[in-house]
Amino acid sequence: MSPTPEPARLRTIPSRLLAGAALVADRLVGERLAAEDAHKWHFAVLVTLAEAGAASQAELSRRTGIYRSDMVAVLNELADAACIRREPAPADRRRNVISLTPAGRRRLERLDTVIADAQRELLAPLTTGEQDELVRLLGLLTEHHRPPHPRPQRGAR
């Protein structure tokens, strides 16, 4: 017996379609990262450090959207894997500056491949042009609805 099709009206509601696609995307990425003993916040921190350079824990929290108290656990995990280095800030020795290590760069290269594979699987039904257009449109929606001062979500990992 085949599953009952979803009502046509439900298949035309953009927010419902976005939520469904987001669930699939999150599952694909989460499974791929878990197979590498990683999660999306590891990737976000490594990308942020690679692109913007060393930063304080508070700055990393702002840049990635990771709640400050959750950031400690993420940084501990990355430090345990020798992917980041914590050093006292020259101007304020009570504050740490987080930087990427060579092992962190190698880890990021591997996770980049994992994320790219997940994106290819997610977007497989679309042509390259459609994929580019989807990314452009999702970027427009995200920017339009971004709060002026984003607050990281508590407990999001």
C-alpha atoms as a PDB file:
ATOM      1  CA  MET A   1       0.000   0.000   0.000  1.00  0.00           C
ATOM      2  CA  SER A   2       1.478   3.353  -1.008  1.00  0.00           C
ATOM      3  CA  PRO A   3       1.407   6.352   1.330  1.00  0.00           C
ATOM      4  CA  THR A   4      -1.487   8.760   1.025  1.00  0.00           C
ATOM      5  CA  PRO A   5      -0.356  11.879  -0.854  1.00  0.00           C
ATOM      6  CA  GLU A   6      -0.229  15.146   1.018  1.00  0.00           C
ATOM      7  CA  PRO A   7      -3.139  17.488   0.168  1.00  0.00           C
ATOM      8  CA  ALA A   8      -2.337  19.846  -2.703  1.00  0.00           C
ATOM      9  CA  ARG A   9      -2.899  22.957  -0.560  1.00  0.00           C
ATOM     10  CA  LEU A  10      -0.195  21.825   1.866  1.00  0.00           C
ATOM     11  CA  ARG A  11       2.244  21.308  -1.030  1.00  0.00           C
ATOM     12  CA  THR A  12       1.928  24.987  -1.996  1.00  0.00           C
ATOM     13  CA  ILE A  13       2.638  26.679   1.351  1.00  0.00           C
ATOM     14  CA  PRO A  14       6.194  28.087   1.176  1.00  0.00           C
ATOM     15  CA  SER A  15       6.830  28.004   4.923  1.00  0.00           C
ATOM     16  CA  ARG A  16       5.794  24.350   5.067  1.00  0.00           C
ATOM     17  CA  LEU A  17       8.027  23.474   2.105  1.00  0.00           C
ATOM     18  CA  LEU A  18      10.969  25.348   3.623  1.00  0.00           C
ATOM     19  CA  ALA A  19      10.469  23.587   6.952  1.00  0.00           C
ATOM     20  CA  GLY A  20      10.356  20.195   5.263  1.00  0.00           C
ATOM     21  CA  ALA A  21      13.474  20.918   3.219  1.00  0.00           C
ATOM     22  CA  ALA A  22      15.226  22.218   6.348  1.00  0.00           C
ATOM     23  CA  LEU A  23      14.455  18.964   8.187  1.00  0.00           C
ATOM     24  CA  VAL A  24      15.937  16.919   5.351  1.00  0.00           C
ATOM     25  CA  ALA A  25      18.985  19.223   5.097  1.00  0.00           C
ATOM     26  CA  ASP A  26      19.605  19.124   8.841  1.00  0.00           C
ATOM     27  CA  ARG A  27      19.348  15.331   8.889  1.00  0.00           C
ATOM     28  CA  LEU A  28      21.722  14.898   5.929  1.00  0.00           C
ATOM     29  CA  VAL A  29      24.325  17.294   7.316  1.00  0.00           C
ATOM     30  CA  GLY A  30      23.947  16.003  10.877  1.00  0.00           C
ATOM     31  CA  GLU A  31      24.404  12.371   9.837  1.00  0.00           C
ATOM     32  CA  ARG A  32      27.442  13.160   7.688  1.00  0.00           C
ATOM     33  CA  LEU A  33      29.086  15.246  10.405  1.00  0.00           C
ATOM     34  CA  ALA A  34      28.306  12.660  13.101  1.00  0.00           C
ATOM     35  CA  ALA A  35      30.124  10.046  11.015  1.00  0.00           C
ATOM     36  CA  GLU A  36      33.183  12.327  11.343  1.00  0.00           C
ATOM     37  CA  ASP A  37      32.638  12.793  15.102  1.00  0.00           C
ATOM     38  CA  ALA A  38      31.623  16.403  14.486  1.00  0.00           C
ATOM     39  CA  HIS A  39      28.519  18.578  14.516  1.00  0.00           C
ATOM     40  CA  LYS A  40      27.414  21.774  12.815  1.00  0.00           C
ATOM     41  CA  TRP A  41      28.789  24.058  15.527  1.00  0.00           C
ATOM     42  CA  HIS A  42      32.285  22.575  15.125  1.00  0.00           C
ATOM     43  CA  PHE A  43      32.041  23.429  11.448  1.00  0.00           C
ATOM     44  CA  ALA A  44      30.711  26.937  12.129  1.00  0.00           C
ATOM     45  CA  VAL A  45      33.547  27.773  14.538  1.00  0.00           C
ATOM     46  CA  LEU A  46      36.247  26.379  12.252  1.00  0.00           C
ATOM     47  CA  VAL A  47      34.868  28.275   9.228  1.00  0.00           C
ATOM     48  CA  THR A  48      34.603  31.495  11.219  1.00  0.00           C
ATOM     49  CA  LEU A  49      38.185  31.256  12.469  1.00  0.00           C
ATOM     50  CA  ALA A  50      39.463  30.359   8.991  1.00  0.00           C
ATOM     51  CA  GLU A  51      37.667  33.254   7.311  1.00  0.00           C
ATOM     52  CA  ALA A  52      37.856  36.004   9.933  1.00  0.00           C
ATOM     53  CA  GLY A  53      40.913  35.026  11.973  1.00  0.00           C
ATOM     54  CA  ALA A  54      41.428  34.699  15.694  1.00  0.00           C
ATOM     55  CA  ALA A  55      38.630  35.958  17.928  1.00  0.00           C
ATOM     56  CA  SER A  56      37.468  36.066  21.503  1.00  0.00           C
ATOM     57  CA  GLN A  57      34.900  33.565  22.706  1.00  0.00           C
ATOM     58  CA  ALA A  58      32.265  36.323  22.836  1.00  0.00           C
ATOM     59  CA  GLU A  59      33.057  37.391  19.264  1.00  0.00           C
ATOM     60  CA  LEU A  60      32.823  33.793  18.046  1.00  0.00           C
ATOM     61  CA  SER A  61      29.443  33.529  19.738  1.00  0.00           C
ATOM     62  CA  ARG A  62      28.214  36.647  17.918  1.00  0.00           C
ATOM     63  CA  ARG A  63      29.622  35.563  14.545  1.00  0.00           C
ATOM     64  CA  THR A  64      28.279  32.005  14.650  1.00  0.00           C
ATOM     65  CA  GLY A  65      25.008  32.413  16.543  1.00  0.00           C
ATOM     66  CA  ILE A  66      26.109  29.882  19.148  1.00  0.00           C
ATOM     67  CA  TYR A  67      24.859  30.784  22.614  1.00  0.00           C
ATOM     68  CA  ARG A  68      27.768  31.812  24.864  1.00  0.00           C
ATOM     69  CA  SER A  69      27.334  29.048  27.418  1.00  0.00           C
ATOM     70  CA  ASP A  70      27.179  26.437  24.626  1.00  0.00           C
ATOM     71  CA  MET A  71      30.291  27.917  23.020  1.00  0.00           C
ATOM     72  CA  VAL A  72      32.416  26.743  25.964  1.00  0.00           C
ATOM     73  CA  ALA A  73      31.563  23.083  25.265  1.00  0.00           C
ATOM     74  CA  VAL A  74      32.176  23.485  21.522  1.00  0.00           C
ATOM     75  CA  LEU A  75      35.557  25.118  22.139  1.00  0.00           C
ATOM     76  CA  ASN A  76      36.500  22.448  24.686  1.00  0.00           C
ATOM     77  CA  GLU A  77      35.744  19.736  22.116  1.00  0.00           C
ATOM     78  CA  LEU A  78      37.765  21.511  19.416  1.00  0.00           C
ATOM     79  CA  ALA A  79      40.646  22.130  21.843  1.00  0.00           C
ATOM     80  CA  ASP A  80      40.642  18.452  22.878  1.00  0.00           C
ATOM     81  CA  ALA A  81      41.030  17.585  19.178  1.00  0.00           C
ATOM     82  CA  ALA A  82      43.881  20.153  18.860  1.00  0.00           C
ATOM     83  CA  CYS A  83      41.851  22.106  16.269  1.00  0.00           C
ATOM     84  CA  ILE A  84      42.003  25.413  18.143  1.00  0.00           C
ATOM     85  CA  ARG A  85      44.373  27.176  20.478  1.00  0.00           C
ATOM     86  CA  ARG A  86      43.333  29.372  23.404  1.00  0.00           C
ATOM     87  CA  GLU A  87      45.786  32.089  24.390  1.00  0.00           C
ATOM     88  CA  PRO A  88      45.409  35.043  26.730  1.00  0.00           C
ATOM     89  CA  ALA A  89      44.596  38.270  24.910  1.00  0.00           C
ATOM     90  CA  PRO A  90      47.570  40.645  24.985  1.00  0.00           C
ATOM     91  CA  ALA A  91      45.409  43.616  26.032  1.00  0.00           C
ATOM     92  CA  ASP A  92      43.419  41.715  28.687  1.00  0.00           C
ATOM     93  CA  ARG A  93      45.005  38.551  30.082  1.00  0.00           C
ATOM     94  CA  ARG A  94      41.641  37.524  31.641  1.00  0.00           C
ATOM     95  CA  ARG A  95      40.199  37.072  28.147  1.00  0.00           C
ATOM     96  CA  ASN A  96      41.185  34.296  25.723  1.00  0.00           C
ATOM     97  CA  VAL A  97      41.775  34.628  22.014  1.00  0.00           C
ATOM     98  CA  ILE A  98      40.839  31.554  20.012  1.00  0.00           C
ATOM     99  CA  SER A  99      42.811  30.682  16.887  1.00  0.00           C
ATOM    100  CA  LEU A 100      42.836  27.884  14.371  1.00  0.00           C
ATOM    101  CA  THR A 101      45.692  25.357  14.459  1.00  0.00           C
ATOM    102  CA  PRO A 102      47.121  23.454  11.483  1.00  0.00           C
ATOM    103  CA  ALA A 103      45.138  20.416  12.690  1.00  0.00           C
ATOM    104  CA  GLY A 104      42.030  22.628  12.719  1.00  0.00           C
ATOM    105  CA  ARG A 105      42.663  23.655   9.122  1.00  0.00           C
ATOM    106  CA  ARG A 106      42.984  20.013   8.086  1.00  0.00           C
ATOM    107  CA  ARG A 107      39.818  19.186  10.029  1.00  0.00           C
ATOM    108  CA  LEU A 108      37.976  22.016   8.279  1.00  0.00           C
ATOM    109  CA  GLU A 109      39.119  20.750   4.865  1.00  0.00           C
ATOM    110  CA  ARG A 110      37.666  17.324   5.683  1.00  0.00           C
ATOM    111  CA  LEU A 111      34.409  18.797   7.006  1.00  0.00           C
ATOM    112  CA  ASP A 112      34.142  21.036   3.913  1.00  0.00           C
ATOM    113  CA  THR A 113      34.144  17.853   1.807  1.00  0.00           C
ATOM    114  CA  VAL A 114      31.525  16.245   4.044  1.00  0.00           C
ATOM    115  CA  ILE A 115      29.273  19.323   3.881  1.00  0.00           C
ATOM    116  CA  ALA A 116      29.690  19.596   0.096  1.00  0.00           C
ATOM    117  CA  ASP A 117      28.680  15.935  -0.299  1.00  0.00           C
ATOM    118  CA  ALA A 118      25.565  16.525   1.812  1.00  0.00           C
ATOM    119  CA  GLN A 119      24.681  19.593  -0.275  1.00  0.00           C
ATOM    120  CA  ARG A 120      25.042  17.597  -3.504  1.00  0.00           C
ATOM    121  CA  GLU A 121      22.696  14.937  -2.150  1.00  0.00           C
ATOM    122  CA  LEU A 122      20.183  17.513  -0.927  1.00  0.00           C
ATOM    123  CA  LEU A 123      20.135  19.459  -4.204  1.00  0.00           C
ATOM    124  CA  ALA A 124      20.433  16.457  -6.551  1.00  0.00           C
ATOM    125  CA  PRO A 125      16.993  16.944  -8.162  1.00  0.00           C
ATOM    126  CA  LEU A 126      17.911  20.496  -9.254  1.00  0.00           C
ATOM    127  CA  THR A 127      20.014  21.662 -12.191  1.00  0.00           C
ATOM    128  CA  THR A 128      23.104  23.739 -11.430  1.00  0.00           C
ATOM    129  CA  GLY A 129      21.193  26.888 -12.423  1.00  0.00           C
ATOM    130  CA  GLU A 130      18.282  25.965 -10.173  1.00  0.00           C
ATOM    131  CA  GLN A 131      20.678  25.299  -7.296  1.00  0.00           C
ATOM    132  CA  ASP A 132      22.274  28.726  -7.752  1.00  0.00           C
ATOM    133  CA  GLU A 133      18.843  30.370  -7.908  1.00  0.00           C
ATOM    134  CA  LEU A 134      17.668  28.541  -4.776  1.00  0.00           C
ATOM    135  CA  VAL A 135      20.734  29.684  -2.854  1.00  0.00           C
ATOM    136  CA  ARG A 136      20.192  33.259  -4.086  1.00  0.00           C
ATOM    137  CA  LEU A 137      16.512  33.252  -3.083  1.00  0.00           C
ATOM    138  CA  LEU A 138      17.167  31.685   0.323  1.00  0.00           C
ATOM    139  CA  GLY A 139      19.846  34.316   0.902  1.00  0.00           C
ATOM    140  CA  LEU A 140      17.342  37.077   0.097  1.00  0.00           C
ATOM    141  CA  LEU A 141      14.784  35.637   2.516  1.00  0.00           C
ATOM    142  CA  THR A 142      17.361  35.191   5.252  1.00  0.00           C
ATOM    143  CA  GLU A 143      18.713  38.727   4.905  1.00  0.00           C
ATOM    144  CA  HIS A 144      15.244  40.279   4.769  1.00  0.00           C
ATOM    145  CA  HIS A 145      14.135  38.570   7.988  1.00  0.00           C
ATOM    146  CA  ARG A 146      17.429  38.820   9.882  1.00  0.00           C
ATOM    147  CA  PRO A 147      16.958  40.756  13.121  1.00  0.00           C
ATOM    148  CA  PRO A 148      19.064  43.923  13.391  1.00  0.00           C
ATOM    149  CA  HIS A 149      20.888  42.485  16.443  1.00  0.00           C
ATOM    150  CA  PRO A 150      20.712  38.693  16.275  1.00  0.00           C
ATOM    151  CA  ARG A 151      20.693  36.836  19.559  1.00  0.00           C
ATOM    152  CA  PRO A 152      22.095  33.307  19.532  1.00  0.00           C
ATOM    153  CA  GLN A 153      19.565  30.632  20.363  1.00  0.00           C
ATOM    154  CA  ARG A 154      20.030  28.875  23.681  1.00  0.00           C
ATOM    155  CA  GLY A 155      20.872  25.211  23.409  1.00  0.00           C
ATOM    156  CA  ALA A 156      20.992  25.110  19.586  1.00  0.00           C
ATOM    157  CA  ARG A 157      23.619  22.678  18.379  1.00  0.00           C
END
